Amino acid sequence: MDQQHATVKSQEWATWDERRRPADAVPPRPSTAPLSPPEIEAPARTRPSTAPVHRGGTEEPAHPGSSTARSLPHPRAAAAPPAAVAPAQPTPEGPAALEAIRRRFADAWGTVGPDWGVAPATARVHGYLLARRSPLTEWEIRRALGLSHRATSLALSESEAWGLVERVAEPRRVGRRGPAGTAWVALGDHWRWFGRVVEQRRMREGDPAVAAIAAATAAAERAARDLPADVELADLRDWLADFLSFVRTFDRAASIVSRVPPGTLERGMRLLGDIPDEEVLRLLTLLDSVPDEDVRGLLRVVSALPTAAAARAARLVARALQPLVR
């Protein structure tokens, strides 16, 4: 009887404890379930009371912004896990931005390449080496531009054939043994590789065109001799002869440009750029008004001057022509 009475009393006490348990209490877990820290509940958005709170005979301010309120942590705050820190987003600064600009320039250079008669992949490789300004291996170029091994090798071979890049010894890597491999570097002198491009285009396009036009002109000349009464054939022969002269003149000018030393070519282009367009056009107009023999004689005399006397002759000519300008 006593045992039954004790059991009933324990059940009544358990029911009484269940009723008095606060609403936010954590329900009991089975002993086999893993324990995890509870989440912190957000405080209700209620207007705080300004009335003091009596704790142990002392008054404490109830405002949550007060120092005393901040000193009293939430009863379950200590058990809360630390907030997860979001990974830092990459910012377009430093090496990443530098590499992005290099690749963008290489892509832009690749679109311009076909206008110069250069394949897009070859122009991309050349543009990337120009932007890097340091020796790179085939693997480094391939990884940077996302090209295959075959495409990168062909682009490097073509760039070398155009005279845009040169082979050098691979820079020493820290901790690497054995002989140095092969790397490629773009020509740093812009006027130098520009002259090489002009020369290669003349050889690849200009010379075959001159040979083809010369063969057509010779065929027209033979046909005109066989049919002297054919006026239309004679007119075609004359036109081909005139066009051949134009193409040869242009081809010779391109050949001279490619043979000028890079420093001299740069200075000549820079001086020409310093002269206003109106003065250049005026100079060409004056040159057109002078007979060919006089122009040839003047150019021969100027070209025969010693290097030391060229500057003095230029000053004398400018001083002598100054009264005529007025």
C-alpha atoms as a PDB file:
ATOM      1  CA  MET A   1       0.000   0.000   0.000  1.00  0.00           C
ATOM      2  CA  ASP A   2       2.805   2.373   0.853  1.00  0.00           C
ATOM      3  CA  GLN A   3       4.541   1.534  -2.421  1.00  0.00           C
ATOM      4  CA  GLN A   4       1.385   2.319  -4.413  1.00  0.00           C
ATOM      5  CA  HIS A   5       0.901   5.590  -2.552  1.00  0.00           C
ATOM      6  CA  ALA A   6       4.489   6.623  -3.301  1.00  0.00           C
ATOM      7  CA  THR A   7       4.016   5.909  -6.985  1.00  0.00           C
ATOM      8  CA  VAL A   8       0.871   8.057  -7.154  1.00  0.00           C
ATOM      9  CA  LYS A   9       2.621  10.887  -5.336  1.00  0.00           C
ATOM     10  CA  SER A  10       5.569  10.793  -7.725  1.00  0.00           C
ATOM     11  CA  GLN A  11       3.231  11.005 -10.703  1.00  0.00           C
ATOM     12  CA  GLU A  12       1.433  13.999  -9.122  1.00  0.00           C
ATOM     13  CA  TRP A  13       4.743  15.769  -8.501  1.00  0.00           C
ATOM     14  CA  ALA A  14       5.817  15.114 -12.115  1.00  0.00           C
ATOM     15  CA  THR A  15       2.555  16.614 -13.404  1.00  0.00           C
ATOM     16  CA  TRP A  16       2.996  19.625 -11.135  1.00  0.00           C
ATOM     17  CA  ASP A  17       6.581  20.125 -12.406  1.00  0.00           C
ATOM     18  CA  GLU A  18       5.420  19.892 -16.005  1.00  0.00           C
ATOM     19  CA  ARG A  19       2.840  22.656 -15.448  1.00  0.00           C
ATOM     20  CA  ARG A  20       5.375  24.954 -13.796  1.00  0.00           C
ATOM     21  CA  ARG A  21       8.054  24.475 -16.495  1.00  0.00           C
ATOM     22  CA  PRO A  22       8.556  27.718 -18.473  1.00  0.00           C
ATOM     23  CA  ALA A  23       7.457  27.812 -22.118  1.00  0.00           C
ATOM     24  CA  ASP A  24      10.951  28.279 -23.480  1.00  0.00           C
ATOM     25  CA  ALA A  25      12.446  25.385 -21.555  1.00  0.00           C
ATOM     26  CA  VAL A  26      14.285  22.803 -23.580  1.00  0.00           C
ATOM     27  CA  PRO A  27      12.367  19.510 -23.688  1.00  0.00           C
ATOM     28  CA  PRO A  28      14.232  16.504 -22.367  1.00  0.00           C
ATOM     29  CA  ARG A  29      16.100  14.405 -24.923  1.00  0.00           C
ATOM     30  CA  PRO A  30      16.675  10.704 -24.864  1.00  0.00           C
ATOM     31  CA  SER A  31      19.977   9.739 -23.432  1.00  0.00           C
ATOM     32  CA  THR A  32      21.124   8.284 -26.765  1.00  0.00           C
ATOM     33  CA  ALA A  33      20.464  11.485 -28.813  1.00  0.00           C
ATOM     34  CA  PRO A  34      23.465  13.789 -29.445  1.00  0.00           C
ATOM     35  CA  LEU A  35      23.292  17.060 -27.623  1.00  0.00           C
ATOM     36  CA  SER A  36      23.567  20.279 -29.653  1.00  0.00           C
ATOM     37  CA  PRO A  37      23.560  23.818 -28.300  1.00  0.00           C
ATOM     38  CA  PRO A  38      20.193  25.571 -28.665  1.00  0.00           C
ATOM     39  CA  GLU A  39      19.786  28.622 -30.877  1.00  0.00           C
ATOM     40  CA  ILE A  40      19.547  32.092 -29.384  1.00  0.00           C
ATOM     41  CA  GLU A  41      16.135  33.573 -29.789  1.00  0.00           C
ATOM     42  CA  ALA A  42      15.910  37.118 -31.060  1.00  0.00           C
ATOM     43  CA  PRO A  43      14.626  39.545 -28.423  1.00  0.00           C
ATOM     44  CA  ALA A  44      11.099  40.817 -28.891  1.00  0.00           C
ATOM     45  CA  ARG A  45      10.816  44.285 -30.413  1.00  0.00           C
ATOM     46  CA  THR A  46       9.144  45.902 -27.382  1.00  0.00           C
ATOM     47  CA  ARG A  47       9.796  49.265 -25.940  1.00  0.00           C
ATOM     48  CA  PRO A  48      12.002  48.817 -22.884  1.00  0.00           C
ATOM     49  CA  SER A  49      10.764  49.982 -19.564  1.00  0.00           C
ATOM     50  CA  THR A  50      12.636  52.737 -17.796  1.00  0.00           C
ATOM     51  CA  ALA A  51      11.583  51.595 -14.346  1.00  0.00           C
ATOM     52  CA  PRO A  52      14.418  50.340 -12.179  1.00  0.00           C
ATOM     53  CA  VAL A  53      14.629  46.649 -11.374  1.00  0.00           C
ATOM     54  CA  HIS A  54      15.161  45.617  -7.750  1.00  0.00           C
ATOM     55  CA  ARG A  55      17.755  42.869  -7.500  1.00  0.00           C
ATOM     56  CA  GLY A  56      18.924  41.863  -4.036  1.00  0.00           C
ATOM     57  CA  GLY A  57      17.986  45.196  -2.463  1.00  0.00           C
ATOM     58  CA  THR A  58      19.752  47.301  -5.114  1.00  0.00           C
ATOM     59  CA  GLU A  59      18.236  49.159  -7.998  1.00  0.00           C
ATOM     60  CA  GLU A  60      19.553  48.445 -11.504  1.00  0.00           C
ATOM     61  CA  PRO A  61      18.523  50.247 -14.664  1.00  0.00           C
ATOM     62  CA  ALA A  62      16.299  48.118 -16.876  1.00  0.00           C
ATOM     63  CA  HIS A  63      17.193  49.779 -20.198  1.00  0.00           C
ATOM     64  CA  PRO A  64      18.998  47.252 -22.428  1.00  0.00           C
ATOM     65  CA  GLY A  65      21.451  49.900 -23.611  1.00  0.00           C
ATOM     66  CA  SER A  66      22.768  50.601 -20.113  1.00  0.00           C
ATOM     67  CA  SER A  67      26.069  49.290 -18.892  1.00  0.00           C
ATOM     68  CA  THR A  68      24.413  47.098 -16.258  1.00  0.00           C
ATOM     69  CA  ALA A  69      22.094  45.525 -18.808  1.00  0.00           C
ATOM     70  CA  ARG A  70      25.027  44.781 -21.071  1.00  0.00           C
ATOM     71  CA  SER A  71      26.930  43.220 -18.187  1.00  0.00           C
ATOM     72  CA  LEU A  72      24.157  40.651 -17.646  1.00  0.00           C
ATOM     73  CA  PRO A  73      24.385  38.075 -20.435  1.00  0.00           C
ATOM     74  CA  HIS A  74      21.493  36.004 -21.623  1.00  0.00           C
ATOM     75  CA  PRO A  75      21.217  32.839 -19.530  1.00  0.00           C
ATOM     76  CA  ARG A  76      21.738  30.696 -22.658  1.00  0.00           C
ATOM     77  CA  ALA A  77      24.118  32.988 -24.568  1.00  0.00           C
ATOM     78  CA  ALA A  78      27.189  31.179 -23.323  1.00  0.00           C
ATOM     79  CA  ALA A  79      25.990  27.933 -24.851  1.00  0.00           C
ATOM     80  CA  ALA A  80      25.364  29.476 -28.294  1.00  0.00           C
ATOM     81  CA  PRO A  81      27.838  28.486 -31.042  1.00  0.00           C
ATOM     82  CA  PRO A  82      29.921  31.247 -32.625  1.00  0.00           C
ATOM     83  CA  ALA A  83      28.404  32.806 -35.721  1.00  0.00           C
ATOM     84  CA  ALA A  84      29.794  31.450 -38.970  1.00  0.00           C
ATOM     85  CA  VAL A  85      32.053  33.951 -40.722  1.00  0.00           C
ATOM     86  CA  ALA A  86      31.276  34.287 -44.431  1.00  0.00           C
ATOM     87  CA  PRO A  87      34.318  33.762 -46.686  1.00  0.00           C
ATOM     88  CA  ALA A  88      35.835  36.948 -48.007  1.00  0.00           C
ATOM     89  CA  GLN A  89      34.823  37.677 -51.564  1.00  0.00           C
ATOM     90  CA  PRO A  90      37.699  38.175 -54.008  1.00  0.00           C
ATOM     91  CA  THR A  91      38.222  41.806 -54.814  1.00  0.00           C
ATOM     92  CA  PRO A  92      39.576  43.062 -58.162  1.00  0.00           C
ATOM     93  CA  GLU A  93      42.848  44.174 -56.640  1.00  0.00           C
ATOM     94  CA  GLY A  94      46.412  43.026 -56.710  1.00  0.00           C
ATOM     95  CA  PRO A  95      47.686  40.157 -58.850  1.00  0.00           C
ATOM     96  CA  ALA A  96      44.204  38.988 -59.893  1.00  0.00           C
ATOM     97  CA  ALA A  97      43.320  42.345 -61.419  1.00  0.00           C
ATOM     98  CA  LEU A  98      46.739  42.596 -63.053  1.00  0.00           C
ATOM     99  CA  GLU A  99      46.343  39.197 -64.693  1.00  0.00           C
ATOM    100  CA  ALA A 100      42.810  40.036 -65.816  1.00  0.00           C
ATOM    101  CA  ILE A 101      44.060  43.159 -67.581  1.00  0.00           C
ATOM    102  CA  ARG A 102      46.810  41.169 -69.294  1.00  0.00           C
ATOM    103  CA  ARG A 103      44.336  38.614 -70.596  1.00  0.00           C
ATOM    104  CA  ARG A 104      41.958  41.331 -71.750  1.00  0.00           C
ATOM    105  CA  PHE A 105      44.769  42.974 -73.694  1.00  0.00           C
ATOM    106  CA  ALA A 106      45.737  39.614 -75.206  1.00  0.00           C
ATOM    107  CA  ASP A 107      42.141  39.026 -76.327  1.00  0.00           C
ATOM    108  CA  ALA A 108      41.964  42.501 -77.865  1.00  0.00           C
ATOM    109  CA  TRP A 109      45.296  41.952 -79.613  1.00  0.00           C
ATOM    110  CA  GLY A 110      43.937  38.696 -80.982  1.00  0.00           C
ATOM    111  CA  THR A 111      41.051  40.520 -82.680  1.00  0.00           C
ATOM    112  CA  VAL A 112      43.476  42.977 -84.315  1.00  0.00           C
ATOM    113  CA  GLY A 113      45.834  40.244 -85.538  1.00  0.00           C
ATOM    114  CA  PRO A 114      43.878  39.255 -88.671  1.00  0.00           C
ATOM    115  CA  ASP A 115      44.016  42.859 -89.902  1.00  0.00           C
ATOM    116  CA  TRP A 116      47.815  42.475 -89.977  1.00  0.00           C
ATOM    117  CA  GLY A 117      47.646  39.038 -91.567  1.00  0.00           C
ATOM    118  CA  VAL A 118      48.374  37.276 -88.247  1.00  0.00           C
ATOM    119  CA  ALA A 119      46.231  34.409 -86.944  1.00  0.00           C
ATOM    120  CA  PRO A 120      44.126  35.259 -83.840  1.00  0.00           C
ATOM    121  CA  ALA A 121      45.823  32.638 -81.637  1.00  0.00           C
ATOM    122  CA  THR A 122      49.260  33.877 -82.682  1.00  0.00           C
ATOM    123  CA  ALA A 123      48.269  37.463 -81.949  1.00  0.00           C
ATOM    124  CA  ARG A 124      46.860  36.460 -78.544  1.00  0.00           C
ATOM    125  CA  VAL A 125      50.100  34.767 -77.540  1.00  0.00           C
ATOM    126  CA  HIS A 126      52.103  37.748 -78.753  1.00  0.00           C
ATOM    127  CA  GLY A 127      49.838  40.185 -76.907  1.00  0.00           C
ATOM    128  CA  TYR A 128      50.103  38.231 -73.658  1.00  0.00           C
ATOM    129  CA  LEU A 129      53.892  38.105 -73.888  1.00  0.00           C
ATOM    130  CA  LEU A 130      53.917  41.848 -74.600  1.00  0.00           C
ATOM    131  CA  ALA A 131      51.868  42.501 -71.481  1.00  0.00           C
ATOM    132  CA  ARG A 132      53.916  40.151 -69.275  1.00  0.00           C
ATOM    133  CA  ARG A 133      57.298  41.562 -70.425  1.00  0.00           C
ATOM    134  CA  SER A 134      59.143  38.539 -69.031  1.00  0.00           C
ATOM    135  CA  PRO A 135      60.148  35.091 -70.344  1.00  0.00           C
ATOM    136  CA  LEU A 136      57.386  32.489 -70.114  1.00  0.00           C
ATOM    137  CA  THR A 137      57.361  28.782 -70.865  1.00  0.00           C
ATOM    138  CA  GLU A 138      54.864  27.107 -73.154  1.00  0.00           C
ATOM    139  CA  TRP A 139      53.063  25.624 -70.139  1.00  0.00           C
ATOM    140  CA  GLU A 140      52.700  29.030 -68.465  1.00  0.00           C
ATOM    141  CA  ILE A 141      51.292  30.597 -71.624  1.00  0.00           C
ATOM    142  CA  ARG A 142      48.939  27.680 -72.181  1.00  0.00           C
ATOM    143  CA  ARG A 143      47.609  27.867 -68.633  1.00  0.00           C
ATOM    144  CA  ALA A 144      47.137  31.650 -68.756  1.00  0.00           C
ATOM    145  CA  LEU A 145      45.253  31.744 -72.074  1.00  0.00           C
ATOM    146  CA  GLY A 146      43.402  28.443 -71.808  1.00  0.00           C
ATOM    147  CA  LEU A 147      44.871  27.050 -75.044  1.00  0.00           C
ATOM    148  CA  SER A 148      45.722  23.488 -75.876  1.00  0.00           C
ATOM    149  CA  HIS A 149      49.295  22.276 -76.123  1.00  0.00           C
ATOM    150  CA  ARG A 150      49.111  22.054 -79.910  1.00  0.00           C
ATOM    151  CA  ALA A 151      47.536  25.502 -80.320  1.00  0.00           C
ATOM    152  CA  THR A 152      50.122  27.108 -78.037  1.00  0.00           C
ATOM    153  CA  SER A 153      53.044  25.407 -79.786  1.00  0.00           C
ATOM    154  CA  LEU A 154      51.791  26.450 -83.231  1.00  0.00           C
ATOM    155  CA  ALA A 155      51.190  30.023 -82.052  1.00  0.00           C
ATOM    156  CA  LEU A 156      54.696  30.264 -80.599  1.00  0.00           C
ATOM    157  CA  SER A 157      56.262  28.846 -83.769  1.00  0.00           C
ATOM    158  CA  GLU A 158      54.299  31.289 -85.920  1.00  0.00           C
ATOM    159  CA  SER A 159      55.169  34.218 -83.647  1.00  0.00           C
ATOM    160  CA  GLU A 160      58.826  33.266 -83.882  1.00  0.00           C
ATOM    161  CA  ALA A 161      58.562  33.063 -87.693  1.00  0.00           C
ATOM    162  CA  TRP A 162      57.025  36.539 -87.795  1.00  0.00           C
ATOM    163  CA  GLY A 163      59.877  37.845 -85.649  1.00  0.00           C
ATOM    164  CA  LEU A 164      57.582  38.826 -82.796  1.00  0.00           C
ATOM    165  CA  VAL A 165      59.114  36.634 -80.069  1.00  0.00           C
ATOM    166  CA  GLU A 166      62.493  35.141 -79.327  1.00  0.00           C
ATOM    167  CA  ARG A 167      63.629  31.981 -77.588  1.00  0.00           C
ATOM    168  CA  VAL A 168      65.536  32.409 -74.354  1.00  0.00           C
ATOM    169  CA  ALA A 169      66.635  30.179 -71.511  1.00  0.00           C
ATOM    170  CA  GLU A 170      63.952  29.449 -68.962  1.00  0.00           C
ATOM    171  CA  PRO A 171      64.420  31.517 -65.783  1.00  0.00           C
ATOM    172  CA  ARG A 172      65.770  29.533 -62.878  1.00  0.00           C
ATOM    173  CA  ARG A 173      63.077  28.288 -60.486  1.00  0.00           C
ATOM    174  CA  VAL A 174      63.844  27.900 -56.805  1.00  0.00           C
ATOM    175  CA  GLY A 175      64.427  24.291 -55.854  1.00  0.00           C
ATOM    176  CA  ARG A 176      64.489  22.994 -59.430  1.00  0.00           C
ATOM    177  CA  ARG A 177      67.348  20.865 -60.710  1.00  0.00           C
ATOM    178  CA  GLY A 178      68.580  19.998 -64.165  1.00  0.00           C
ATOM    179  CA  PRO A 179      69.235  22.106 -67.244  1.00  0.00           C
ATOM    180  CA  ALA A 180      67.079  25.129 -67.964  1.00  0.00           C
ATOM    181  CA  GLY A 181      64.222  24.665 -70.410  1.00  0.00           C
ATOM    182  CA  THR A 182      63.024  26.926 -73.224  1.00  0.00           C
ATOM    183  CA  ALA A 183      61.027  30.094 -72.726  1.00  0.00           C
ATOM    184  CA  TRP A 184      59.763  32.822 -75.025  1.00  0.00           C
ATOM    185  CA  VAL A 185      59.829  36.571 -74.641  1.00  0.00           C
ATOM    186  CA  ALA A 186      58.307  39.300 -76.802  1.00  0.00           C
ATOM    187  CA  LEU A 187      60.565  41.887 -78.385  1.00  0.00           C
ATOM    188  CA  GLY A 188      60.569  44.889 -76.101  1.00  0.00           C
ATOM    189  CA  ASP A 189      61.324  47.417 -78.867  1.00  0.00           C
ATOM    190  CA  HIS A 190      57.994  48.140 -80.564  1.00  0.00           C
ATOM    191  CA  TRP A 191      59.598  49.642 -83.647  1.00  0.00           C
ATOM    192  CA  ARG A 192      61.761  46.568 -84.002  1.00  0.00           C
ATOM    193  CA  TRP A 193      58.924  44.059 -84.154  1.00  0.00           C
ATOM    194  CA  PHE A 194      56.882  46.521 -86.241  1.00  0.00           C
ATOM    195  CA  GLY A 195      59.646  46.513 -88.842  1.00  0.00           C
ATOM    196  CA  ARG A 196      59.726  42.721 -88.758  1.00  0.00           C
ATOM    197  CA  VAL A 197      55.980  42.522 -89.314  1.00  0.00           C
ATOM    198  CA  VAL A 198      56.271  44.857 -92.304  1.00  0.00           C
ATOM    199  CA  GLU A 199      59.093  42.762 -93.729  1.00  0.00           C
ATOM    200  CA  GLN A 200      57.224  39.488 -93.233  1.00  0.00           C
ATOM    201  CA  ARG A 201      54.084  40.887 -94.846  1.00  0.00           C
ATOM    202  CA  ARG A 202      56.110  42.104 -97.780  1.00  0.00           C
ATOM    203  CA  MET A 203      57.685  38.681 -98.213  1.00  0.00           C
ATOM    204  CA  ARG A 204      54.439  36.755 -97.750  1.00  0.00           C
ATOM    205  CA  GLU A 205      52.057  39.044 -99.624  1.00  0.00           C
ATOM    206  CA  GLY A 206      53.957  41.711-101.517  1.00  0.00           C
ATOM    207  CA  ASP A 207      56.493  39.556-103.346  1.00  0.00           C
ATOM    208  CA  PRO A 208      53.958  36.940-104.563  1.00  0.00           C
ATOM    209  CA  ALA A 209      51.625  39.734-105.719  1.00  0.00           C
ATOM    210  CA  VAL A 210      54.428  41.458-107.626  1.00  0.00           C
ATOM    211  CA  ALA A 211      55.387  38.164-109.272  1.00  0.00           C
ATOM    212  CA  ALA A 212      51.779  37.412-110.287  1.00  0.00           C
ATOM    213  CA  ILE A 213      51.166  40.898-111.687  1.00  0.00           C
ATOM    214  CA  ALA A 214      54.505  40.819-113.525  1.00  0.00           C
ATOM    215  CA  ALA A 215      53.552  37.497-115.153  1.00  0.00           C
ATOM    216  CA  ALA A 216      50.168  38.885-116.241  1.00  0.00           C
ATOM    217  CA  THR A 217      51.846  41.993-117.650  1.00  0.00           C
ATOM    218  CA  ALA A 218      54.318  39.903-119.628  1.00  0.00           C
ATOM    219  CA  ALA A 219      51.485  37.789-121.050  1.00  0.00           C
ATOM    220  CA  ALA A 220      49.594  40.906-122.090  1.00  0.00           C
ATOM    221  CA  GLU A 221      52.728  42.287-123.729  1.00  0.00           C
ATOM    222  CA  ARG A 222      53.193  39.125-125.808  1.00  0.00           C
ATOM    223  CA  ALA A 223      49.539  39.068-126.810  1.00  0.00           C
ATOM    224  CA  ALA A 224      49.652  42.740-127.829  1.00  0.00           C
ATOM    225  CA  ARG A 225      52.636  42.055-130.053  1.00  0.00           C
ATOM    226  CA  ASP A 226      50.801  39.199-131.769  1.00  0.00           C
ATOM    227  CA  LEU A 227      47.632  41.293-132.224  1.00  0.00           C
ATOM    228  CA  PRO A 228      48.774  44.875-132.761  1.00  0.00           C
ATOM    229  CA  ALA A 229      45.365  45.928-134.106  1.00  0.00           C
ATOM    230  CA  ASP A 230      43.529  44.972-130.926  1.00  0.00           C
ATOM    231  CA  VAL A 231      43.004  48.308-129.143  1.00  0.00           C
ATOM    232  CA  GLU A 232      41.382  46.791-126.056  1.00  0.00           C
ATOM    233  CA  LEU A 233      44.272  44.380-125.575  1.00  0.00           C
ATOM    234  CA  ALA A 234      46.766  47.218-125.858  1.00  0.00           C
ATOM    235  CA  ASP A 235      44.815  49.208-123.260  1.00  0.00           C
ATOM    236  CA  LEU A 236      44.882  46.228-120.857  1.00  0.00           C
ATOM    237  CA  ARG A 237      48.653  45.884-121.372  1.00  0.00           C
ATOM    238  CA  ASP A 238      49.217  49.552-120.508  1.00  0.00           C
ATOM    239  CA  TRP A 239      47.018  49.341-117.420  1.00  0.00           C
ATOM    240  CA  LEU A 240      48.846  46.238-116.152  1.00  0.00           C
ATOM    241  CA  ALA A 241      52.202  47.898-116.704  1.00  0.00           C
ATOM    242  CA  ASP A 242      51.086  50.957-114.728  1.00  0.00           C
ATOM    243  CA  PHE A 243      49.648  48.818-111.921  1.00  0.00           C
ATOM    244  CA  LEU A 244      52.862  46.770-111.768  1.00  0.00           C
ATOM    245  CA  SER A 245      54.848  49.979-111.318  1.00  0.00           C
ATOM    246  CA  PHE A 246      52.586  51.019-108.434  1.00  0.00           C
ATOM    247  CA  VAL A 247      52.857  47.667-106.666  1.00  0.00           C
ATOM    248  CA  ARG A 248      56.630  47.607-107.026  1.00  0.00           C
ATOM    249  CA  THR A 249      56.907  51.139-105.619  1.00  0.00           C
ATOM    250  CA  PHE A 250      54.791  50.206-102.607  1.00  0.00           C
ATOM    251  CA  ASP A 251      56.754  46.975-102.119  1.00  0.00           C
ATOM    252  CA  ARG A 252      60.033  48.880-102.226  1.00  0.00           C
ATOM    253  CA  ALA A 253      58.772  51.417 -99.682  1.00  0.00           C
ATOM    254  CA  ALA A 254      57.814  48.567 -97.332  1.00  0.00           C
ATOM    255  CA  SER A 255      61.237  47.033 -97.830  1.00  0.00           C
ATOM    256  CA  ILE A 256      62.966  50.311 -96.941  1.00  0.00           C
ATOM    257  CA  VAL A 257      60.847  50.714 -93.796  1.00  0.00           C
ATOM    258  CA  SER A 258      61.829  47.237 -92.605  1.00  0.00           C
ATOM    259  CA  ARG A 259      65.523  48.013 -93.188  1.00  0.00           C
ATOM    260  CA  VAL A 260      65.569  51.285 -91.238  1.00  0.00           C
ATOM    261  CA  PRO A 261      67.073  50.896 -87.757  1.00  0.00           C
ATOM    262  CA  PRO A 262      64.348  50.954 -85.091  1.00  0.00           C
ATOM    263  CA  GLY A 263      65.718  54.069 -83.387  1.00  0.00           C
ATOM    264  CA  THR A 264      65.923  55.994 -86.650  1.00  0.00           C
ATOM    265  CA  LEU A 265      62.423  54.921 -87.656  1.00  0.00           C
ATOM    266  CA  GLU A 266      61.041  55.962 -84.288  1.00  0.00           C
ATOM    267  CA  ARG A 267      62.695  59.391 -84.490  1.00  0.00           C
ATOM    268  CA  GLY A 268      61.471  59.979 -88.031  1.00  0.00           C
ATOM    269  CA  MET A 269      57.895  59.066 -87.120  1.00  0.00           C
ATOM    270  CA  ARG A 270      58.067  61.173 -83.976  1.00  0.00           C
ATOM    271  CA  LEU A 271      59.321  64.225 -85.879  1.00  0.00           C
ATOM    272  CA  LEU A 272      56.636  63.717 -88.477  1.00  0.00           C
ATOM    273  CA  GLY A 273      54.079  63.554 -85.695  1.00  0.00           C
ATOM    274  CA  ASP A 274      55.338  66.833 -84.218  1.00  0.00           C
ATOM    275  CA  ILE A 275      54.653  68.683 -87.483  1.00  0.00           C
ATOM    276  CA  PRO A 276      51.029  69.810 -87.893  1.00  0.00           C
ATOM    277  CA  ASP A 277      49.055  68.151 -90.650  1.00  0.00           C
ATOM    278  CA  GLU A 278      48.664  71.452 -92.502  1.00  0.00           C
ATOM    279  CA  GLU A 279      52.436  71.862 -92.760  1.00  0.00           C
ATOM    280  CA  VAL A 280      52.911  68.281 -93.983  1.00  0.00           C
ATOM    281  CA  LEU A 281      50.261  68.745 -96.674  1.00  0.00           C
ATOM    282  CA  ARG A 282      51.812  72.073 -97.663  1.00  0.00           C
ATOM    283  CA  LEU A 283      55.241  70.409 -97.945  1.00  0.00           C
ATOM    284  CA  LEU A 284      53.836  67.695-100.196  1.00  0.00           C
ATOM    285  CA  THR A 285      52.163  70.315-102.360  1.00  0.00           C
ATOM    286  CA  LEU A 286      55.444  72.218-102.735  1.00  0.00           C
ATOM    287  CA  LEU A 287      57.244  68.994-103.556  1.00  0.00           C
ATOM    288  CA  ASP A 288      54.719  68.294-106.295  1.00  0.00           C
ATOM    289  CA  SER A 289      55.383  71.702-107.853  1.00  0.00           C
ATOM    290  CA  VAL A 290      59.151  71.109-108.156  1.00  0.00           C
ATOM    291  CA  PRO A 291      60.360  69.198-111.259  1.00  0.00           C
ATOM    292  CA  ASP A 292      61.489  65.635-110.704  1.00  0.00           C
ATOM    293  CA  GLU A 293      65.068  66.304-111.783  1.00  0.00           C
ATOM    294  CA  ASP A 294      65.445  69.133-109.272  1.00  0.00           C
ATOM    295  CA  VAL A 295      64.032  66.983-106.464  1.00  0.00           C
ATOM    296  CA  ARG A 296      66.347  64.102-107.327  1.00  0.00           C
ATOM    297  CA  GLY A 297      69.359  66.445-107.458  1.00  0.00           C
ATOM    298  CA  LEU A 298      68.477  67.947-104.058  1.00  0.00           C
ATOM    299  CA  LEU A 299      68.027  64.542-102.455  1.00  0.00           C
ATOM    300  CA  ARG A 300      71.296  63.262-103.883  1.00  0.00           C
ATOM    301  CA  VAL A 301      73.207  66.258-102.520  1.00  0.00           C
ATOM    302  CA  VAL A 302      71.613  65.931 -99.083  1.00  0.00           C
ATOM    303  CA  SER A 303      72.238  62.191 -98.910  1.00  0.00           C
ATOM    304  CA  ALA A 304      75.913  62.702 -99.859  1.00  0.00           C
ATOM    305  CA  LEU A 305      76.569  65.075 -96.935  1.00  0.00           C
ATOM    306  CA  PRO A 306      78.825  63.829 -94.159  1.00  0.00           C
ATOM    307  CA  THR A 307      77.084  62.994 -90.918  1.00  0.00           C
ATOM    308  CA  ALA A 308      78.868  65.776 -89.029  1.00  0.00           C
ATOM    309  CA  ALA A 309      77.894  68.371 -91.642  1.00  0.00           C
ATOM    310  CA  ALA A 310      74.205  67.411 -91.853  1.00  0.00           C
ATOM    311  CA  ALA A 311      73.125  69.530 -88.878  1.00  0.00           C
ATOM    312  CA  ARG A 312      75.114  72.538 -90.070  1.00  0.00           C
ATOM    313  CA  ALA A 313      73.664  72.220 -93.587  1.00  0.00           C
ATOM    314  CA  ALA A 314      70.130  72.042 -92.199  1.00  0.00           C
ATOM    315  CA  ARG A 315      70.654  75.280 -90.244  1.00  0.00           C
ATOM    316  CA  LEU A 316      72.124  77.029 -93.290  1.00  0.00           C
ATOM    317  CA  VAL A 317      69.244  75.976 -95.534  1.00  0.00           C
ATOM    318  CA  ALA A 318      66.657  77.076 -92.972  1.00  0.00           C
ATOM    319  CA  ARG A 319      68.401  80.447 -92.557  1.00  0.00           C
ATOM    320  CA  ALA A 320      68.652  80.961 -96.311  1.00  0.00           C
ATOM    321  CA  LEU A 321      64.988  80.139 -96.924  1.00  0.00           C
ATOM    322  CA  GLN A 322      63.677  82.305 -94.093  1.00  0.00           C
ATOM    323  CA  PRO A 323      63.537  85.553 -96.220  1.00  0.00           C
ATOM    324  CA  LEU A 324      61.557  83.728 -98.901  1.00  0.00           C
ATOM    325  CA  VAL A 325      58.903  82.730 -96.388  1.00  0.00           C
ATOM    326  CA  ARG A 326      58.305  86.351 -95.443  1.00  0.00           C
END
